[in-house]
Amino acid sequence: MENRRPPRNRSSSTDANRSRGLVQPGPRTFDGGQGPRRKSPDPSTGPRERGQAGGRAGNRDTPGGKSNFFRGRPAQPSSLTGERGRKLPDSTPVIRITSELQLTDGKFRGRLLGNSPRPKASPTPRMVREMMFRLISRRVRAGRFLDLCAGCGVVGLEAISRGAMLVTFVERSARLASHLRANLKKIGVHENRGQVQEIEALPFLARCAKRKRVWDIVFVGHAEASSPEIIETVARGKMLAPNGVIVIEHPSTSPLPDDLGNLRRWRNLERDGYALSFYNRKS
């Protein structure tokens, strides 16, 4: 009888070797064979690296530069941020101030006012206005403002633009008063907030003294400051509210004293031949 060795069982030897640790299991391929061995995750790596190795992380080349780890889809950039998370620049156009008749700040910044072409009707320069309102900005907000010798109203309208509650314009010229009313209508200021008084300054101040009407800020323009009677009337301080301030515009070549009647000067500013003297009532 012929001695024959029985066929070798390959599956049993493979299972035995696998049980001994000699053969590492691998993922099955489409043809039933053994694929390449998958590396086990390194415990020293973080969850983001392990998730990327396991195929759970999203695409890291996203517009925002971040991967969506849990959902597996690219993160959508925010509408308010750029490609790298930077905040988009503000698209609001910058209003440039190029004319002396433009309002320099506040709600109506950049609005162009109308004025008479006469040389004597020149408004207060915008640099002088900015210098003045920068110093008294807190007093202007929600305050009462008196503009003597208002002209076309550029100083008083500047105060309204910066938050003044009420502005009274005093102008004796009918032509300038008409330009002033047109400017108020052009900007859209209600007459209860901007009052135009077509009258001389001295009779107006006398009437207000009888009615005991006061303001938080009194601005005396360049033309009225050249009148000694008006300066003397203003120096009494009867039209000034408690903790109020009087601003007198005058040429830098004609300085005013530190003590003016019942007033005391606490600040003096000069620029381009113009001077501004700030007075408080003496305690």
Protein backbone atom coordinates (compact mmCIF):
# COMPACT_ATOMS: atom_id res chain seq x y z
CA MET A 1 0.00 0.00 0.00
CA GLU A 2 1.40 3.31 -1.04
CA ASN A 3 2.35 5.68 1.76
CA ARG A 4 1.03 9.24 0.92
CA ARG A 5 1.23 12.35 3.04
CA PRO A 6 -2.15 14.03 3.51
CA PRO A 7 -2.51 17.53 1.96
CA ARG A 8 -1.39 20.37 4.15
CA ASN A 9 -4.15 22.56 5.55
CA ARG A 10 -3.02 26.11 4.89
CA SER A 11 -5.88 27.72 6.77
CA SER A 12 -5.10 25.84 9.95
CA SER A 13 -1.40 26.81 9.84
CA THR A 14 -2.31 30.43 9.20
CA ASP A 15 -4.72 30.44 12.11
CA ALA A 16 -2.11 28.82 14.30
CA ASN A 17 0.50 31.38 13.30
CA ARG A 18 -1.99 34.21 13.87
CA SER A 19 -2.71 32.84 17.32
CA ARG A 20 1.04 32.79 18.03
CA GLY A 21 1.35 36.45 16.95
CA LEU A 22 3.44 35.69 13.85
CA VAL A 23 0.94 37.08 11.36
CA GLN A 24 -0.66 40.52 11.86
CA PRO A 25 -4.25 40.83 10.68
CA GLY A 26 -4.92 43.42 8.01
CA PRO A 27 -7.94 44.85 6.24
CA ARG A 28 -9.56 42.70 3.59
CA THR A 29 -9.23 43.88 0.00
CA PHE A 30 -11.81 43.48 -2.73
CA ASP A 31 -10.23 40.28 -3.92
CA GLY A 32 -10.20 38.66 -0.49
CA GLY A 33 -6.46 39.08 0.09
CA GLN A 34 -4.57 40.82 2.83
CA GLY A 35 -4.03 44.57 2.40
CA PRO A 36 -1.24 46.67 3.91
CA ARG A 37 -1.08 46.76 7.66
CA ARG A 38 -2.67 49.86 9.24
CA LYS A 39 -0.59 51.74 11.73
CA SER A 40 -1.98 52.07 15.19
CA PRO A 41 -2.52 55.66 16.44
CA ASP A 42 0.33 57.14 18.37
CA PRO A 43 -0.79 57.94 21.93
CA SER A 44 1.55 60.94 22.00
CA THR A 45 -0.37 62.70 19.22
CA GLY A 46 -3.41 64.88 19.89
CA PRO A 47 -6.99 64.13 18.89
CA ARG A 48 -6.75 66.36 15.80
CA GLU A 49 -3.76 64.43 14.40
CA ARG A 50 -5.32 61.05 15.27
CA GLY A 51 -8.59 62.03 13.67
CA GLN A 52 -6.83 63.16 10.51
CA ALA A 53 -4.92 59.88 10.32
CA GLY A 54 -8.16 57.93 10.73
CA GLY A 55 -9.94 59.88 8.01
CA ARG A 56 -12.42 61.57 10.38
CA ALA A 57 -11.09 65.12 9.99
CA GLY A 58 -12.27 67.51 7.30
CA ASN A 59 -10.17 69.19 4.68
CA ARG A 60 -7.57 71.45 6.31
CA ASP A 61 -7.30 73.53 3.09
CA THR A 62 -10.52 75.35 3.88
CA PRO A 63 -11.02 79.07 3.19
CA GLY A 64 -10.91 79.79 6.91
CA GLY A 65 -7.73 77.76 7.37
CA LYS A 66 -9.42 75.36 9.88
CA SER A 67 -10.76 71.82 9.58
CA ASN A 68 -14.20 70.82 10.75
CA PHE A 69 -13.13 67.77 12.79
CA PHE A 70 -16.49 66.41 13.88
CA ARG A 71 -18.61 66.90 10.76
CA GLY A 72 -16.02 66.22 8.11
CA ARG A 73 -16.92 69.15 5.84
CA PRO A 74 -15.08 72.44 5.21
CA ALA A 75 -15.95 75.28 7.57
CA GLN A 76 -17.74 78.16 5.87
CA PRO A 77 -16.07 81.56 6.31
CA SER A 78 -18.06 84.21 8.15
CA SER A 79 -19.51 87.09 6.15
CA LEU A 80 -17.74 89.59 8.44
CA THR A 81 -14.28 88.03 8.21
CA GLY A 82 -11.79 87.61 5.42
CA GLU A 83 -10.00 84.50 4.19
CA ARG A 84 -7.69 84.35 7.23
CA GLY A 85 -10.22 85.42 9.82
CA ARG A 86 -9.36 89.09 9.49
CA LYS A 87 -12.11 91.67 9.90
CA LEU A 88 -13.15 93.27 6.64
CA PRO A 89 -12.47 97.03 6.36
CA ASP A 90 -15.36 99.43 6.83
CA SER A 91 -16.88 100.43 3.49
CA THR A 92 -18.20 103.77 4.81
CA PRO A 93 -16.75 106.55 2.63
CA VAL A 94 -14.52 109.08 4.35
CA ILE A 95 -15.95 112.61 4.17
CA ARG A 96 -13.22 115.14 3.48
CA ILE A 97 -13.50 118.70 4.73
CA THR A 98 -12.25 121.02 2.00
CA SER A 99 -14.36 124.17 2.47
CA GLU A 100 -14.72 126.71 5.26
CA LEU A 101 -18.50 126.36 4.91
CA GLN A 102 -18.54 122.62 5.70
CA LEU A 103 -19.51 121.26 9.10
CA THR A 104 -16.48 119.54 10.58
CA ASP A 105 -17.96 116.89 12.88
CA GLY A 106 -21.09 115.34 14.32
CA LYS A 107 -24.34 114.21 12.72
CA PHE A 108 -24.12 116.61 9.77
CA ARG A 109 -20.39 116.31 9.15
CA GLY A 110 -19.40 117.41 5.66
CA ARG A 111 -22.65 119.27 4.87
CA LEU A 112 -21.99 122.38 2.81
CA LEU A 113 -23.72 125.59 3.87
CA GLY A 114 -24.77 128.60 1.82
CA ASN A 115 -23.44 132.08 2.50
CA SER A 116 -23.52 135.60 1.14
CA PRO A 117 -20.73 136.41 -1.33
CA ARG A 118 -19.89 139.66 0.52
CA PRO A 119 -16.36 139.71 2.05
CA LYS A 120 -17.69 140.90 5.42
CA ALA A 121 -19.79 137.73 5.71
CA SER A 122 -16.77 135.42 6.04
CA PRO A 123 -17.47 132.63 8.58
CA THR A 124 -15.27 131.55 11.44
CA PRO A 125 -12.48 129.36 9.96
CA ARG A 126 -13.02 125.65 10.34
CA MET A 127 -9.72 125.09 12.15
CA VAL A 128 -10.73 127.67 14.77
CA ARG A 129 -14.15 125.99 15.13
CA GLU A 130 -12.58 122.56 15.58
CA MET A 131 -10.21 123.98 18.20
CA MET A 132 -13.10 125.54 20.12
CA PHE A 133 -15.48 122.56 20.04
CA ARG A 134 -12.71 120.18 21.00
CA LEU A 135 -12.33 122.11 24.23
CA ILE A 136 -16.04 122.46 25.11
CA SER A 137 -17.46 119.28 23.56
CA ARG A 138 -18.91 117.98 26.85
CA ARG A 139 -20.71 121.25 27.50
CA VAL A 140 -22.21 121.31 24.00
CA ARG A 141 -24.00 117.95 24.25
CA ALA A 142 -27.62 118.48 25.30
CA GLY A 143 -26.83 122.12 26.10
CA ARG A 144 -28.31 125.49 25.12
CA PHE A 145 -26.14 127.50 22.74
CA LEU A 146 -26.36 131.22 21.91
CA ASP A 147 -24.69 132.39 18.69
CA LEU A 148 -24.34 136.20 18.61
CA CYS A 149 -23.59 137.66 15.19
CA ALA A 150 -24.43 134.28 13.67
CA GLY A 151 -23.94 135.22 10.01
CA CYS A 152 -24.83 132.17 7.94
CA GLY A 153 -25.01 130.13 11.15
CA VAL A 154 -21.94 127.94 10.72
CA VAL A 155 -20.95 128.01 14.42
CA GLY A 156 -24.46 127.36 15.73
CA LEU A 157 -25.11 124.62 13.16
CA GLU A 158 -21.81 123.06 14.18
CA ALA A 159 -23.14 122.97 17.74
CA ILE A 160 -26.39 121.32 16.58
CA SER A 161 -24.40 118.75 14.62
CA ARG A 162 -22.40 117.95 17.76
CA GLY A 163 -25.48 117.37 19.91
CA ALA A 164 -26.69 120.74 21.23
CA MET A 165 -30.32 120.64 22.38
CA LEU A 166 -31.20 124.24 21.42
CA VAL A 167 -29.35 126.93 19.46
CA THR A 168 -30.46 130.56 19.24
CA PHE A 169 -29.07 132.52 16.27
CA VAL A 170 -28.93 136.32 16.53
CA GLU A 171 -28.30 138.15 13.25
CA ARG A 172 -29.19 141.74 12.35
CA SER A 173 -28.68 141.44 8.57
CA ALA A 174 -31.82 140.40 6.69
CA ARG A 175 -29.77 138.89 3.86
CA LEU A 176 -27.63 136.75 6.16
CA ALA A 177 -30.70 135.76 8.17
CA SER A 178 -32.30 134.46 4.97
CA HIS A 179 -29.18 132.37 4.24
CA LEU A 180 -29.30 131.11 7.82
CA ARG A 181 -32.94 129.98 7.53
CA ALA A 182 -32.13 128.31 4.21
CA ASN A 183 -29.26 126.39 5.83
CA LEU A 184 -31.51 125.21 8.66
CA LYS A 185 -34.07 123.99 6.13
CA LYS A 186 -31.37 122.40 3.96
CA ILE A 187 -29.98 120.32 6.81
CA GLY A 188 -33.39 119.51 8.24
CA VAL A 189 -33.22 121.23 11.65
CA HIS A 190 -36.61 121.94 13.18
CA GLU A 191 -37.38 125.54 14.17
CA ASN A 192 -37.88 124.48 17.79
CA ARG A 193 -34.25 123.42 17.89
CA GLY A 194 -32.77 126.26 15.83
CA GLN A 195 -34.32 129.67 16.55
CA VAL A 196 -33.42 132.64 14.35
CA GLN A 197 -33.69 136.15 15.87
CA GLU A 198 -33.34 138.90 13.26
CA ILE A 199 -32.42 141.69 15.68
CA GLU A 200 -29.50 143.70 17.01
CA ALA A 201 -27.45 142.04 19.72
CA LEU A 202 -27.88 144.75 22.39
CA PRO A 203 -31.72 144.85 22.34
CA PHE A 204 -31.79 141.08 22.32
CA LEU A 205 -29.54 140.81 25.39
CA ALA A 206 -31.59 143.44 27.20
CA ARG A 207 -34.79 141.54 26.50
CA CYS A 208 -33.26 138.25 27.70
CA ALA A 209 -32.06 139.93 30.93
CA LYS A 210 -35.64 140.96 31.73
CA ARG A 211 -36.96 137.47 31.02
CA LYS A 212 -34.05 135.89 32.90
CA ARG A 213 -33.22 133.67 29.98
CA VAL A 214 -29.86 131.90 30.20
CA TRP A 215 -27.65 129.64 28.04
CA ASP A 216 -24.96 127.07 28.77
CA ILE A 217 -22.63 128.40 26.05
CA VAL A 218 -22.55 131.93 24.63
CA PHE A 219 -20.47 132.52 21.51
CA VAL A 220 -19.64 136.12 20.62
CA GLY A 221 -18.56 136.39 17.00
CA HIS A 222 -15.75 138.45 15.55
CA ALA A 223 -17.94 141.39 14.50
CA GLU A 224 -19.73 141.73 17.82
CA ALA A 225 -16.50 141.47 19.79
CA SER A 226 -15.34 144.75 18.23
CA SER A 227 -18.22 146.58 19.96
CA PRO A 228 -17.34 147.80 23.51
CA GLU A 229 -21.03 148.03 24.44
CA ILE A 230 -21.64 144.38 23.63
CA ILE A 231 -18.51 143.30 25.52
CA GLU A 232 -19.62 145.30 28.53
CA THR A 233 -23.11 143.76 28.43
CA VAL A 234 -21.71 140.24 28.04
CA ALA A 235 -19.25 140.86 30.89
CA ARG A 236 -22.12 141.12 33.36
CA GLY A 237 -22.77 137.41 32.82
CA LYS A 238 -26.54 137.64 33.32
CA MET A 239 -27.29 135.46 30.28
CA LEU A 240 -24.96 132.69 31.48
CA ALA A 241 -26.28 129.57 33.22
CA PRO A 242 -24.47 128.13 36.27
CA ASN A 243 -21.21 126.49 35.19
CA GLY A 244 -21.70 128.04 31.75
CA VAL A 245 -18.98 129.41 29.46
CA ILE A 246 -18.68 132.48 27.25
CA VAL A 247 -16.42 132.24 24.19
CA ILE A 248 -15.35 135.52 22.60
CA GLU A 249 -13.70 135.49 19.17
CA HIS A 250 -11.36 138.42 18.57
CA PRO A 251 -8.20 139.23 16.61
CA SER A 252 -5.01 137.98 18.21
CA THR A 253 -3.63 141.49 17.87
CA SER A 254 -6.37 142.83 20.18
CA PRO A 255 -6.10 140.75 23.36
CA LEU A 256 -8.75 140.76 26.07
CA PRO A 257 -8.04 141.04 29.82
CA ASP A 258 -8.15 138.04 32.11
CA ASP A 259 -10.79 139.68 34.31
CA LEU A 260 -13.70 141.03 32.33
CA GLY A 261 -16.44 142.43 34.57
CA ASN A 262 -18.00 139.49 36.39
CA LEU A 263 -16.10 137.04 34.21
CA ARG A 264 -12.70 135.41 34.58
CA ARG A 265 -10.76 133.93 31.69
CA TRP A 266 -9.60 130.34 32.10
CA ARG A 267 -8.29 129.62 28.59
CA ASN A 268 -6.99 131.51 25.57
CA LEU A 269 -6.33 129.93 22.16
CA GLU A 270 -4.77 131.53 19.08
CA ARG A 271 -4.52 130.35 15.49
CA ASP A 272 -3.98 132.08 12.13
CA GLY A 273 -4.58 135.57 13.50
CA TYR A 274 -7.74 134.54 15.39
CA ALA A 275 -8.02 134.27 19.17
CA LEU A 276 -10.62 132.59 21.40
CA SER A 277 -11.04 133.66 25.02
CA PHE A 278 -13.01 131.33 27.32
CA TYR A 279 -14.66 132.93 30.36
CA ASN A 280 -16.55 131.63 33.38
CA ARG A 281 -18.57 133.66 35.80
CA LYS A 282 -16.72 134.50 38.99
CA SER A 283 -17.90 132.61 42.06
